[in-house]
C-alpha atoms as a PDB file:
ATOM      1  CA  MET A   1    -130.381 -94.205 180.070  1.00  0.00           C
ATOM      2  CA  LYS A   2    -129.249 -97.397 179.450  1.00  0.00           C
ATOM      3  CA  SER A   3    -125.484 -97.764 179.635  1.00  0.00           C
ATOM      4  CA  SER A   4    -123.479 -99.135 176.600  1.00  0.00           C
ATOM      5  CA  PRO A   5    -121.923-102.282 176.983  1.00  0.00           C
ATOM      6  CA  PRO A   6    -118.135-102.507 177.627  1.00  0.00           C
ATOM      7  CA  PHE A   7    -117.739-104.684 173.950  1.00  0.00           C
ATOM      8  CA  GLY A   8    -118.871-106.665 172.115  1.00  0.00           C
ATOM      9  CA  VAL A   9    -118.240-110.235 170.019  1.00  0.00           C
ATOM     10  CA  LEU A  10    -118.594-110.808 166.284  1.00  0.00           C
ATOM     11  CA  LEU A  11    -118.050-114.619 166.256  1.00  0.00           C
ATOM     12  CA  VAL A  12    -117.432-115.548 162.420  1.00  0.00           C
ATOM     13  CA  ASN A  13    -117.544-118.688 160.728  1.00  0.00           C
ATOM     14  CA  LEU A  14    -117.184-119.511 157.012  1.00  0.00           C
ATOM     15  CA  GLY A  15    -120.749-119.908 155.643  1.00  0.00           C
ATOM     16  CA  THR A  16    -123.651-121.950 154.640  1.00  0.00           C
ATOM     17  CA  PRO A  17    -126.397-122.566 151.702  1.00  0.00           C
ATOM     18  CA  SER A  18    -129.409-121.755 152.748  1.00  0.00           C
ATOM     19  CA  ALA A  19    -131.396-124.340 151.783  1.00  0.00           C
ATOM     20  CA  PRO A  20    -130.082-128.016 150.683  1.00  0.00           C
ATOM     21  CA  THR A  21    -130.896-127.216 146.928  1.00  0.00           C
ATOM     22  CA  THR A  22    -129.187-126.774 144.189  1.00  0.00           C
ATOM     23  CA  LYS A  23    -129.897-122.748 143.660  1.00  0.00           C
ATOM     24  CA  ALA A  24    -129.045-122.245 147.209  1.00  0.00           C
ATOM     25  CA  VAL A  25    -125.743-123.899 146.853  1.00  0.00           C
ATOM     26  CA  ARG A  26    -124.941-122.721 143.668  1.00  0.00           C
ATOM     27  CA  THR A  27    -125.238-118.916 144.837  1.00  0.00           C
ATOM     28  CA  TYR A  28    -123.421-119.846 147.720  1.00  0.00           C
ATOM     29  CA  LEU A  29    -120.376-121.453 145.946  1.00  0.00           C
ATOM     30  CA  ALA A  30    -120.532-118.820 143.358  1.00  0.00           C
ATOM     31  CA  GLU A  31    -119.257-116.597 146.613  1.00  0.00           C
ATOM     32  CA  PHE A  32    -117.300-118.712 147.896  1.00  0.00           C
ATOM     33  CA  LEU A  33    -115.591-119.654 144.970  1.00  0.00           C
ATOM     34  CA  ALA A  34    -115.099-116.104 143.765  1.00  0.00           C
ATOM     35  CA  ASP A  35    -112.848-115.216 146.756  1.00  0.00           C
ATOM     36  CA  ARG A  36    -109.150-115.158 145.903  1.00  0.00           C
ATOM     37  CA  ARG A  37    -108.344-115.967 149.546  1.00  0.00           C
ATOM     38  CA  VAL A  38    -109.785-119.511 148.830  1.00  0.00           C
ATOM     39  CA  VAL A  39    -108.640-119.783 145.049  1.00  0.00           C
ATOM     40  CA  ASP A  40    -106.034-117.583 143.829  1.00  0.00           C
ATOM     41  CA  VAL A  41    -105.996-118.686 140.380  1.00  0.00           C
ATOM     42  CA  PRO A  42    -106.033-115.786 137.338  1.00  0.00           C
ATOM     43  CA  ARG A  43    -109.237-114.690 137.250  1.00  0.00           C
ATOM     44  CA  VAL A  44    -110.115-114.680 133.715  1.00  0.00           C
ATOM     45  CA  LEU A  45    -109.004-118.116 133.699  1.00  0.00           C
ATOM     46  CA  TRP A  46    -110.992-119.371 137.189  1.00  0.00           C
ATOM     47  CA  TRP A  47    -114.431-117.201 135.738  1.00  0.00           C
ATOM     48  CA  LEU A  48    -114.326-120.094 132.746  1.00  0.00           C
ATOM     49  CA  ILE A  49    -113.503-122.720 135.148  1.00  0.00           C
ATOM     50  CA  LEU A  50    -116.151-121.846 137.958  1.00  0.00           C
ATOM     51  CA  HIS A  51    -118.717-120.787 135.858  1.00  0.00           C
ATOM     52  CA  GLY A  52    -118.122-122.808 132.739  1.00  0.00           C
ATOM     53  CA  ILE A  53    -117.668-126.234 134.499  1.00  0.00           C
ATOM     54  CA  ILE A  54    -118.210-126.265 138.593  1.00  0.00           C
ATOM     55  CA  LEU A  55    -120.962-124.241 138.648  1.00  0.00           C
ATOM     56  CA  ARG A  56    -122.332-126.266 136.305  1.00  0.00           C
ATOM     57  CA  PHE A  57    -122.676-130.079 137.753  1.00  0.00           C
ATOM     58  CA  ARG A  58    -121.177-129.956 141.304  1.00  0.00           C
ATOM     59  CA  PRO A  59    -124.412-127.670 142.975  1.00  0.00           C
ATOM     60  CA  ARG A  60    -126.809-130.599 142.210  1.00  0.00           C
ATOM     61  CA  ARG A  61    -124.158-133.506 144.168  1.00  0.00           C
ATOM     62  CA  VAL A  62    -123.362-131.174 147.179  1.00  0.00           C
ATOM     63  CA  ALA A  63    -127.057-129.874 146.923  1.00  0.00           C
ATOM     64  CA  LYS A  64    -127.523-133.821 147.726  1.00  0.00           C
ATOM     65  CA  ALA A  65    -125.257-134.254 150.542  1.00  0.00           C
ATOM     66  CA  TYR A  66    -126.437-131.479 152.349  1.00  0.00           C
ATOM     67  CA  ALA A  67    -129.860-133.178 152.395  1.00  0.00           C
ATOM     68  CA  SER A  68    -128.833-135.988 154.240  1.00  0.00           C
ATOM     69  CA  VAL A  69    -127.547-134.229 157.138  1.00  0.00           C
ATOM     70  CA  TRP A  70    -129.957-131.166 156.853  1.00  0.00           C
ATOM     71  CA  HIS A  71    -131.817-129.802 160.139  1.00  0.00           C
ATOM     72  CA  GLU A  72    -135.619-128.439 160.849  1.00  0.00           C
ATOM     73  CA  GLU A  73    -133.936-125.224 161.830  1.00  0.00           C
ATOM     74  CA  GLY A  74    -131.051-125.325 158.763  1.00  0.00           C
ATOM     75  CA  SER A  75    -127.921-126.588 158.205  1.00  0.00           C
ATOM     76  CA  PRO A  76    -125.989-128.436 160.980  1.00  0.00           C
ATOM     77  CA  LEU A  77    -123.494-125.528 161.032  1.00  0.00           C
ATOM     78  CA  MET A  78    -125.834-122.660 161.701  1.00  0.00           C
ATOM     79  CA  VAL A  79    -127.749-124.755 163.838  1.00  0.00           C
ATOM     80  CA  MET A  80    -124.234-125.162 165.949  1.00  0.00           C
ATOM     81  CA  SER A  81    -123.160-121.853 165.222  1.00  0.00           C
ATOM     82  CA  ARG A  82    -126.218-119.862 166.406  1.00  0.00           C
ATOM     83  CA  ARG A  83    -126.067-122.021 170.109  1.00  0.00           C
ATOM     84  CA  GLN A  84    -122.601-121.304 170.037  1.00  0.00           C
ATOM     85  CA  GLN A  85    -123.703-117.552 169.673  1.00  0.00           C
ATOM     86  CA  ARG A  86    -126.370-118.366 172.631  1.00  0.00           C
ATOM     87  CA  ALA A  87    -124.293-119.647 174.662  1.00  0.00           C
ATOM     88  CA  LEU A  88    -121.182-117.808 174.718  1.00  0.00           C
ATOM     89  CA  SER A  89    -122.789-113.880 175.538  1.00  0.00           C
ATOM     90  CA  ASP A  90    -124.923-116.085 178.249  1.00  0.00           C
ATOM     91  CA  ALA A  91    -121.383-117.038 179.716  1.00  0.00           C
ATOM     92  CA  LEU A  92    -119.867-113.490 179.325  1.00  0.00           C
ATOM     93  CA  SER A  93    -122.442-112.055 180.556  1.00  0.00           C
ATOM     94  CA  GLN A  94    -123.195-114.160 183.470  1.00  0.00           C
ATOM     95  CA  GLN A  95    -118.970-113.223 184.137  1.00  0.00           C
ATOM     96  CA  TYR A  96    -119.886-109.367 184.358  1.00  0.00           C
ATOM     97  CA  GLY A  97    -122.878-108.960 185.331  1.00  0.00           C
ATOM     98  CA  GLN A  98    -124.762-107.382 182.580  1.00  0.00           C
ATOM     99  CA  THR A  99    -125.515-107.799 179.010  1.00  0.00           C
ATOM    100  CA  ILE A 100    -122.768-108.767 176.500  1.00  0.00           C
ATOM    101  CA  PRO A 101    -123.901-108.931 172.961  1.00  0.00           C
ATOM    102  CA  VAL A 102    -122.573-111.424 170.626  1.00  0.00           C
ATOM    103  CA  ALA A 103    -123.338-111.831 166.728  1.00  0.00           C
ATOM    104  CA  LEU A 104    -123.015-114.083 164.638  1.00  0.00           C
ATOM    105  CA  ALA A 105    -121.740-113.239 161.021  1.00  0.00           C
ATOM    106  CA  MET A 106    -120.550-115.631 158.031  1.00  0.00           C
ATOM    107  CA  THR A 107    -117.911-115.107 155.390  1.00  0.00           C
ATOM    108  CA  TYR A 108    -120.016-116.069 152.794  1.00  0.00           C
ATOM    109  CA  GLY A 109    -123.540-116.081 152.998  1.00  0.00           C
ATOM    110  CA  GLN A 110    -125.781-114.993 155.850  1.00  0.00           C
ATOM    111  CA  PRO A 111    -126.138-113.744 158.258  1.00  0.00           C
ATOM    112  CA  SER A 112    -123.561-111.545 156.658  1.00  0.00           C
ATOM    113  CA  MET A 113    -120.775-108.964 158.437  1.00  0.00           C
ATOM    114  CA  GLU A 114    -123.245-105.592 157.711  1.00  0.00           C
ATOM    115  CA  GLU A 115    -126.204-107.754 159.469  1.00  0.00           C
ATOM    116  CA  ALA A 116    -124.093-108.361 162.184  1.00  0.00           C
ATOM    117  CA  GLY A 117    -122.338-104.970 162.604  1.00  0.00           C
ATOM    118  CA  ARG A 118    -125.745-103.282 162.485  1.00  0.00           C
ATOM    119  CA  GLU A 119    -126.924-105.963 165.454  1.00  0.00           C
ATOM    120  CA  LEU A 120    -123.781-104.849 167.410  1.00  0.00           C
ATOM    121  CA  ARG A 121    -124.417-101.425 166.803  1.00  0.00           C
ATOM    122  CA  ALA A 122    -127.940-101.295 167.643  1.00  0.00           C
ATOM    123  CA  ALA A 123    -126.700-102.647 171.316  1.00  0.00           C
ATOM    124  CA  GLY A 124    -124.893 -99.796 171.608  1.00  0.00           C
ATOM    125  CA  VAL A 125    -121.371-101.760 170.956  1.00  0.00           C
ATOM    126  CA  LYS A 126    -118.540 -99.500 170.413  1.00  0.00           C
ATOM    127  CA  ARG A 127    -115.720-101.806 170.804  1.00  0.00           C
ATOM    128  CA  MET A 128    -115.865-105.012 169.215  1.00  0.00           C
ATOM    129  CA  LEU A 129    -113.727-107.668 169.421  1.00  0.00           C
ATOM    130  CA  VAL A 130    -113.650-110.192 166.507  1.00  0.00           C
ATOM    131  CA  LEU A 131    -113.647-114.122 167.048  1.00  0.00           C
ATOM    132  CA  PRO A 132    -113.437-116.585 163.740  1.00  0.00           C
ATOM    133  CA  LEU A 133    -113.799-119.816 164.300  1.00  0.00           C
ATOM    134  CA  TYR A 134    -110.565-121.133 163.266  1.00  0.00           C
ATOM    135  CA  PRO A 135    -108.247-122.293 165.882  1.00  0.00           C
ATOM    136  CA  GLN A 136    -105.500-122.478 163.452  1.00  0.00           C
ATOM    137  CA  PHE A 137    -104.646-119.366 160.990  1.00  0.00           C
ATOM    138  CA  SER A 138    -104.996-119.709 157.308  1.00  0.00           C
ATOM    139  CA  SER A 139    -104.728-116.994 154.596  1.00  0.00           C
ATOM    140  CA  SER A 140    -107.766-118.527 153.246  1.00  0.00           C
ATOM    141  CA  THR A 141    -109.874-118.708 156.209  1.00  0.00           C
ATOM    142  CA  THR A 142    -108.825-116.135 159.317  1.00  0.00           C
ATOM    143  CA  ALA A 143    -107.021-113.213 156.530  1.00  0.00           C
ATOM    144  CA  ALA A 144    -110.749-113.996 155.123  1.00  0.00           C
ATOM    145  CA  VAL A 145    -112.623-112.448 157.657  1.00  0.00           C
ATOM    146  CA  TYR A 146    -110.229-109.655 157.945  1.00  0.00           C
ATOM    147  CA  ASP A 147    -111.288-108.741 153.713  1.00  0.00           C
ATOM    148  CA  ARG A 148    -114.785-109.374 154.606  1.00  0.00           C
ATOM    149  CA  LEU A 149    -115.305-106.735 157.857  1.00  0.00           C
ATOM    150  CA  ALA A 150    -112.809-104.349 155.911  1.00  0.00           C
ATOM    151  CA  GLU A 151    -115.499-104.563 153.313  1.00  0.00           C
ATOM    152  CA  GLY A 152    -118.538-104.323 155.684  1.00  0.00           C
ATOM    153  CA  LEU A 153    -116.984-101.200 157.057  1.00  0.00           C
ATOM    154  CA  ARG A 154    -116.262 -99.313 154.295  1.00  0.00           C
ATOM    155  CA  GLY A 155    -119.761 -97.513 154.231  1.00  0.00           C
ATOM    156  CA  CYS A 156    -119.845 -97.324 158.080  1.00  0.00           C
ATOM    157  CA  PRO A 157    -119.233 -93.489 159.272  1.00  0.00           C
ATOM    158  CA  HIS A 158    -117.906 -94.239 162.369  1.00  0.00           C
ATOM    159  CA  LEU A 159    -115.753 -97.078 162.865  1.00  0.00           C
ATOM    160  CA  PRO A 160    -115.584 -99.662 166.280  1.00  0.00           C
ATOM    161  CA  GLU A 161    -112.760 -99.591 168.316  1.00  0.00           C
ATOM    162  CA  ILE A 162    -111.761-103.157 167.206  1.00  0.00           C
ATOM    163  CA  ARG A 163    -109.572-106.490 168.234  1.00  0.00           C
ATOM    164  CA  TRP A 164    -109.056-109.734 166.768  1.00  0.00           C
ATOM    165  CA  VAL A 165    -108.371-113.314 168.188  1.00  0.00           C
ATOM    166  CA  ASN A 166    -105.917-114.521 165.050  1.00  0.00           C
ATOM    167  CA  GLU A 167    -105.562-118.117 165.739  1.00  0.00           C
ATOM    168  CA  TYR A 168    -105.601-120.327 169.384  1.00  0.00           C
ATOM    169  CA  HIS A 169    -103.996-123.717 167.787  1.00  0.00           C
ATOM    170  CA  VAL A 170    -102.259-124.681 171.022  1.00  0.00           C
ATOM    171  CA  HIS A 171    -104.401-122.554 173.669  1.00  0.00           C
ATOM    172  CA  PRO A 172    -104.655-124.538 176.650  1.00  0.00           C
ATOM    173  CA  SER A 173    -108.068-124.627 177.328  1.00  0.00           C
ATOM    174  CA  TYR A 174    -108.597-125.413 173.601  1.00  0.00           C
ATOM    175  CA  ILE A 175    -106.550-128.446 173.824  1.00  0.00           C
ATOM    176  CA  GLN A 176    -107.957-129.755 177.205  1.00  0.00           C
ATOM    177  CA  ALA A 177    -111.427-129.324 175.400  1.00  0.00           C
ATOM    178  CA  LEU A 178    -110.117-131.757 172.730  1.00  0.00           C
ATOM    179  CA  ALA A 179    -109.028-133.935 174.841  1.00  0.00           C
ATOM    180  CA  ASN A 180    -111.596-134.050 177.038  1.00  0.00           C
ATOM    181  CA  SER A 181    -114.055-134.815 174.027  1.00  0.00           C
ATOM    182  CA  VAL A 182    -111.759-137.463 172.823  1.00  0.00           C
ATOM    183  CA  ARG A 183    -111.513-139.530 176.373  1.00  0.00           C
ATOM    184  CA  GLU A 184    -115.498-138.893 177.026  1.00  0.00           C
ATOM    185  CA  TYR A 185    -115.752-140.982 173.393  1.00  0.00           C
ATOM    186  CA  TRP A 186    -113.418-143.458 174.656  1.00  0.00           C
ATOM    187  CA  GLN A 187    -115.158-144.175 177.837  1.00  0.00           C
ATOM    188  CA  ALA A 188    -118.152-144.115 176.306  1.00  0.00           C
ATOM    189  CA  HIS A 189    -116.740-146.746 173.034  1.00  0.00           C
ATOM    190  CA  GLY A 190    -114.019-147.611 173.544  1.00  0.00           C
ATOM    191  CA  GLN A 191    -110.162-146.692 171.949  1.00  0.00           C
ATOM    192  CA  SER A 192    -109.509-147.808 168.589  1.00  0.00           C
ATOM    193  CA  GLU A 193    -105.711-148.255 167.936  1.00  0.00           C
ATOM    194  CA  ARG A 194    -105.381-145.327 166.200  1.00  0.00           C
ATOM    195  CA  LEU A 195    -106.166-141.294 166.034  1.00  0.00           C
ATOM    196  CA  LEU A 196    -106.180-139.974 163.273  1.00  0.00           C
ATOM    197  CA  MET A 197    -106.332-136.185 163.673  1.00  0.00           C
ATOM    198  CA  SER A 198    -107.638-134.776 160.222  1.00  0.00           C
ATOM    199  CA  PHE A 199    -107.976-131.451 159.405  1.00  0.00           C
ATOM    200  CA  HIS A 200    -109.035-129.069 156.167  1.00  0.00           C
ATOM    201  CA  GLY A 201    -105.888-129.362 153.803  1.00  0.00           C
ATOM    202  CA  ILE A 202    -104.665-126.473 151.712  1.00  0.00           C
ATOM    203  CA  PRO A 203    -102.136-126.500 148.984  1.00  0.00           C
ATOM    204  CA  GLN A 204     -98.743-127.218 149.453  1.00  0.00           C
ATOM    205  CA  ARG A 205     -97.710-123.624 147.935  1.00  0.00           C
ATOM    206  CA  TYR A 206     -99.829-121.931 150.188  1.00  0.00           C
ATOM    207  CA  GLU A 207     -97.327-123.331 152.577  1.00  0.00           C
ATOM    208  CA  ASP A 208     -94.177-122.553 150.937  1.00  0.00           C
ATOM    209  CA  ARG A 209     -94.859-118.861 150.455  1.00  0.00           C
ATOM    210  CA  GLY A 210     -95.230-118.350 154.116  1.00  0.00           C
ATOM    211  CA  ASP A 211     -99.476-119.426 155.357  1.00  0.00           C
ATOM    212  CA  PRO A 212     -98.518-120.958 158.792  1.00  0.00           C
ATOM    213  CA  TYR A 213    -101.633-123.295 158.727  1.00  0.00           C
ATOM    214  CA  PRO A 214    -100.074-126.649 158.051  1.00  0.00           C
ATOM    215  CA  SER A 215     -97.273-126.482 160.890  1.00  0.00           C
ATOM    216  CA  GLN A 216    -100.290-124.847 163.393  1.00  0.00           C
ATOM    217  CA  CYS A 217    -102.540-128.046 162.501  1.00  0.00           C
ATOM    218  CA  ARG A 218     -99.227-130.147 163.501  1.00  0.00           C
ATOM    219  CA  ALA A 219     -98.905-128.174 166.550  1.00  0.00           C
ATOM    220  CA  THR A 220    -102.253-128.913 167.561  1.00  0.00           C
ATOM    221  CA  ALA A 221    -101.736-132.545 167.011  1.00  0.00           C
ATOM    222  CA  ALA A 222     -98.552-132.979 168.417  1.00  0.00           C
ATOM    223  CA  ALA A 223     -99.991-130.850 171.312  1.00  0.00           C
ATOM    224  CA  LEU A 224    -103.474-132.885 171.796  1.00  0.00           C
ATOM    225  CA  ALA A 225    -101.555-136.423 171.385  1.00  0.00           C
ATOM    226  CA  GLU A 226     -99.607-134.958 174.371  1.00  0.00           C
ATOM    227  CA  ALA A 227    -102.542-134.267 176.678  1.00  0.00           C
ATOM    228  CA  LEU A 228    -103.902-137.653 175.637  1.00  0.00           C
ATOM    229  CA  GLU A 229    -100.168-139.434 176.720  1.00  0.00           C
ATOM    230  CA  LEU A 230    -100.269-141.007 173.005  1.00  0.00           C
ATOM    231  CA  HIS A 231     -97.072-142.596 171.743  1.00  0.00           C
ATOM    232  CA  SER A 232     -96.507-141.777 168.361  1.00  0.00           C
ATOM    233  CA  GLU A 233     -97.259-145.039 166.840  1.00  0.00           C
ATOM    234  CA  GLN A 234    -100.920-144.018 167.977  1.00  0.00           C
ATOM    235  CA  TRP A 235    -101.606-141.345 166.221  1.00  0.00           C
ATOM    236  CA  LEU A 236    -101.278-139.466 163.043  1.00  0.00           C
ATOM    237  CA  CYS A 237    -101.393-136.005 161.838  1.00  0.00           C
ATOM    238  CA  SER A 238    -103.449-135.736 158.241  1.00  0.00           C
ATOM    239  CA  PHE A 239    -105.336-133.201 155.738  1.00  0.00           C
ATOM    240  CA  GLN A 240    -108.937-133.670 153.802  1.00  0.00           C
ATOM    241  CA  SER A 241    -110.740-132.201 150.775  1.00  0.00           C
ATOM    242  CA  ARG A 242    -108.141-131.959 148.220  1.00  0.00           C
ATOM    243  CA  PHE A 243    -109.180-130.158 145.181  1.00  0.00           C
ATOM    244  CA  GLY A 244    -107.703-130.171 141.410  1.00  0.00           C
ATOM    245  CA  ARG A 245    -104.748-131.703 140.752  1.00  0.00           C
ATOM    246  CA  GLU A 246    -101.994-129.889 142.460  1.00  0.00           C
ATOM    247  CA  GLU A 247    -100.099-131.198 145.176  1.00  0.00           C
ATOM    248  CA  TRP A 248    -101.335-130.255 148.843  1.00  0.00           C
ATOM    249  CA  VAL A 249     -99.925-130.325 152.510  1.00  0.00           C
ATOM    250  CA  LYS A 250     -99.245-134.475 152.938  1.00  0.00           C
ATOM    251  CA  PRO A 251     -99.920-136.692 154.297  1.00  0.00           C
ATOM    252  CA  TYR A 252    -103.779-136.861 152.816  1.00  0.00           C
ATOM    253  CA  THR A 253    -106.379-138.455 154.813  1.00  0.00           C
ATOM    254  CA  ASP A 254    -107.893-140.348 152.210  1.00  0.00           C
ATOM    255  CA  PHE A 255    -104.603-142.411 151.595  1.00  0.00           C
ATOM    256  CA  THR A 256    -103.797-142.901 155.330  1.00  0.00           C
ATOM    257  CA  LEU A 257    -107.390-144.021 155.783  1.00  0.00           C
ATOM    258  CA  THR A 258    -106.774-146.360 152.074  1.00  0.00           C
ATOM    259  CA  ALA A 259    -103.032-147.898 153.734  1.00  0.00           C
ATOM    260  CA  TRP A 260    -104.457-148.362 156.765  1.00  0.00           C
ATOM    261  CA  GLY A 261    -107.097-150.395 155.887  1.00  0.00           C
ATOM    262  CA  GLU A 262    -104.846-152.401 153.419  1.00  0.00           C
ATOM    263  CA  GLN A 263    -102.809-153.089 156.606  1.00  0.00           C
ATOM    264  CA  SER A 264    -105.575-154.474 158.053  1.00  0.00           C
ATOM    265  CA  LEU A 265    -105.861-152.008 160.917  1.00  0.00           C
ATOM    266  CA  ALA A 266    -108.757-153.566 163.522  1.00  0.00           C
ATOM    267  CA  SER A 267    -110.020-149.627 164.379  1.00  0.00           C
ATOM    268  CA  VAL A 268    -109.737-145.991 163.670  1.00  0.00           C
ATOM    269  CA  ASP A 269    -111.223-143.197 165.879  1.00  0.00           C
ATOM    270  CA  VAL A 270    -111.238-139.823 163.273  1.00  0.00           C
ATOM    271  CA  ILE A 271    -111.375-136.618 164.592  1.00  0.00           C
ATOM    272  CA  SER A 272    -111.085-132.890 162.734  1.00  0.00           C
ATOM    273  CA  PRO A 273    -109.813-130.150 165.068  1.00  0.00           C
ATOM    274  CA  ALA A 274    -109.896-127.332 162.652  1.00  0.00           C
ATOM    275  CA  PHE A 275    -113.241-126.866 162.878  1.00  0.00           C
ATOM    276  CA  ALA A 276    -115.274-125.655 165.737  1.00  0.00           C
ATOM    277  CA  VAL A 277    -118.638-127.019 164.424  1.00  0.00           C
ATOM    278  CA  ASP A 278    -119.555-130.034 162.621  1.00  0.00           C
ATOM    279  CA  CYS A 279    -120.548-129.224 158.960  1.00  0.00           C
ATOM    280  CA  LEU A 280    -121.207-130.780 155.890  1.00  0.00           C
ATOM    281  CA  GLU A 281    -117.244-131.461 155.446  1.00  0.00           C
ATOM    282  CA  THR A 282    -117.267-133.384 158.996  1.00  0.00           C
ATOM    283  CA  LEU A 283    -120.489-134.986 158.927  1.00  0.00           C
ATOM    284  CA  GLU A 284    -120.962-136.155 155.453  1.00  0.00           C
ATOM    285  CA  GLU A 285    -117.009-136.528 154.225  1.00  0.00           C
ATOM    286  CA  LEU A 286    -115.316-137.393 157.231  1.00  0.00           C
ATOM    287  CA  ASP A 287    -117.676-139.621 158.984  1.00  0.00           C
ATOM    288  CA  VAL A 288    -119.543-141.401 156.038  1.00  0.00           C
ATOM    289  CA  GLU A 289    -117.012-140.836 152.759  1.00  0.00           C
ATOM    290  CA  ASN A 290    -113.991-141.946 154.357  1.00  0.00           C
ATOM    291  CA  ARG A 291    -115.395-144.193 156.791  1.00  0.00           C
ATOM    292  CA  GLU A 292    -115.852-145.961 153.008  1.00  0.00           C
ATOM    293  CA  THR A 293    -112.258-145.386 151.765  1.00  0.00           C
ATOM    294  CA  PHE A 294    -111.246-146.914 154.775  1.00  0.00           C
ATOM    295  CA  GLN A 295    -113.450-150.294 155.194  1.00  0.00           C
ATOM    296  CA  HIS A 296    -113.472-151.060 151.605  1.00  0.00           C
ATOM    297  CA  ALA A 297    -109.652-151.006 151.734  1.00  0.00           C
ATOM    298  CA  GLY A 298    -109.957-153.854 153.951  1.00  0.00           C
ATOM    299  CA  GLY A 299    -110.225-152.271 157.416  1.00  0.00           C
ATOM    300  CA  GLY A 300    -112.122-152.712 160.699  1.00  0.00           C
ATOM    301  CA  GLU A 301    -114.436-150.326 162.859  1.00  0.00           C
ATOM    302  CA  TYR A 302    -114.062-146.795 161.971  1.00  0.00           C
ATOM    303  CA  HIS A 303    -115.697-143.829 164.896  1.00  0.00           C
ATOM    304  CA  TYR A 304    -116.030-140.499 163.830  1.00  0.00           C
ATOM    305  CA  ILE A 305    -115.520-138.172 167.013  1.00  0.00           C
ATOM    306  CA  PRO A 306    -117.465-135.303 166.908  1.00  0.00           C
ATOM    307  CA  CYS A 307    -116.522-131.025 166.941  1.00  0.00           C
ATOM    308  CA  LEU A 308    -116.674-129.186 170.189  1.00  0.00           C
ATOM    309  CA  ASN A 309    -119.729-127.767 168.934  1.00  0.00           C
ATOM    310  CA  ASP A 310    -121.378-126.193 171.847  1.00  0.00           C
ATOM    311  CA  ARG A 311    -119.719-128.609 174.665  1.00  0.00           C
ATOM    312  CA  PRO A 312    -119.662-126.503 178.078  1.00  0.00           C
ATOM    313  CA  ASP A 313    -115.232-126.396 177.647  1.00  0.00           C
ATOM    314  CA  HIS A 314    -116.016-125.119 174.355  1.00  0.00           C
ATOM    315  CA  ILE A 315    -117.967-122.198 175.401  1.00  0.00           C
ATOM    316  CA  GLN A 316    -115.818-121.668 178.545  1.00  0.00           C
ATOM    317  CA  MET A 317    -112.678-121.539 176.375  1.00  0.00           C
ATOM    318  CA  MET A 318    -114.075-119.086 174.050  1.00  0.00           C
ATOM    319  CA  THR A 319    -114.663-117.303 177.267  1.00  0.00           C
ATOM    320  CA  LYS A 320    -111.346-117.325 177.994  1.00  0.00           C
ATOM    321  CA  LEU A 321    -110.429-115.960 174.519  1.00  0.00           C
ATOM    322  CA  VAL A 322    -112.695-112.968 175.460  1.00  0.00           C
ATOM    323  CA  GLN A 323    -111.526-112.107 178.440  1.00  0.00           C
ATOM    324  CA  GLU A 324    -108.306-112.367 177.369  1.00  0.00           C
ATOM    325  CA  HIS A 325    -107.929-109.881 174.442  1.00  0.00           C
ATOM    326  CA  THR A 326    -110.578-107.503 175.956  1.00  0.00           C
ATOM    327  CA  GLN A 327    -108.326-106.642 178.833  1.00  0.00           C
ATOM    328  CA  GLY A 328    -108.450-103.095 179.507  1.00  0.00           C
ATOM    329  CA  TRP A 329    -112.466-102.588 177.810  1.00  0.00           C
ATOM    330  CA  ASP A 330    -114.178-103.820 181.152  1.00  0.00           C
END
């Protein structure tokens, strides 16, 4: 009789449209932006804004952006997440001397939590470690995974034993992998005058009411700067992707790049440590839009340093996280 694995891993990321089309993007945005964790505006008002304005006009523009970065196998986020899933399963299976199932789920879109749960159950998993690929905890990301998983498990007659990885924003292996990626980029392309560590932003009021995400982002940036032995004038932590008119956490990435361009900064390197894989936001907003912002303001060379993606040291970091959080299960 085939024995059950000691545990399984549920790897979770945000999500992606199924195709670079207006229809697919509209379906994805409707689910994503309807989540109270993402947008906490009163429901009636937000429903009118979302369905009356945003979903009428935004999907076409976003679909065009997706089409510019789409792979034959799917969106960059999906393609790379699948590679991470396979690599992590291989690494864990080698480490434990038996197959350790790793399922991939998205908070929004496909594959769903239910689909991933069925995959793990079919593999005989009775203990599950949930690993959201968000180094820094936020109520709008990691907490949304909690909500979505709970919803998916609502109809399950026999719940698995569950553990969580809440965050890993200053985990030594994570910081080391980031530092390795920056050093390798510098060895291949040279080091710019400044390193901008740009994180996805959230409204300032989220931080004011206790969301730890901005402070964890700043801690990640400081730890990476220390690992790279940078002086304070050589790096900065900033926040990108504002939406709406309210104040978001500062400094803003686009404002910073505009100011640096106006100062005729000769070169800048940009990295986004909040993302475990490259996606539309990094490949289109950071690498294209913000490059134009910096150079149109008078700046010089602009270099985007890719996310950790399926780098071996990134997979090793995930393996260590799993080992640390599953002690006693092996």
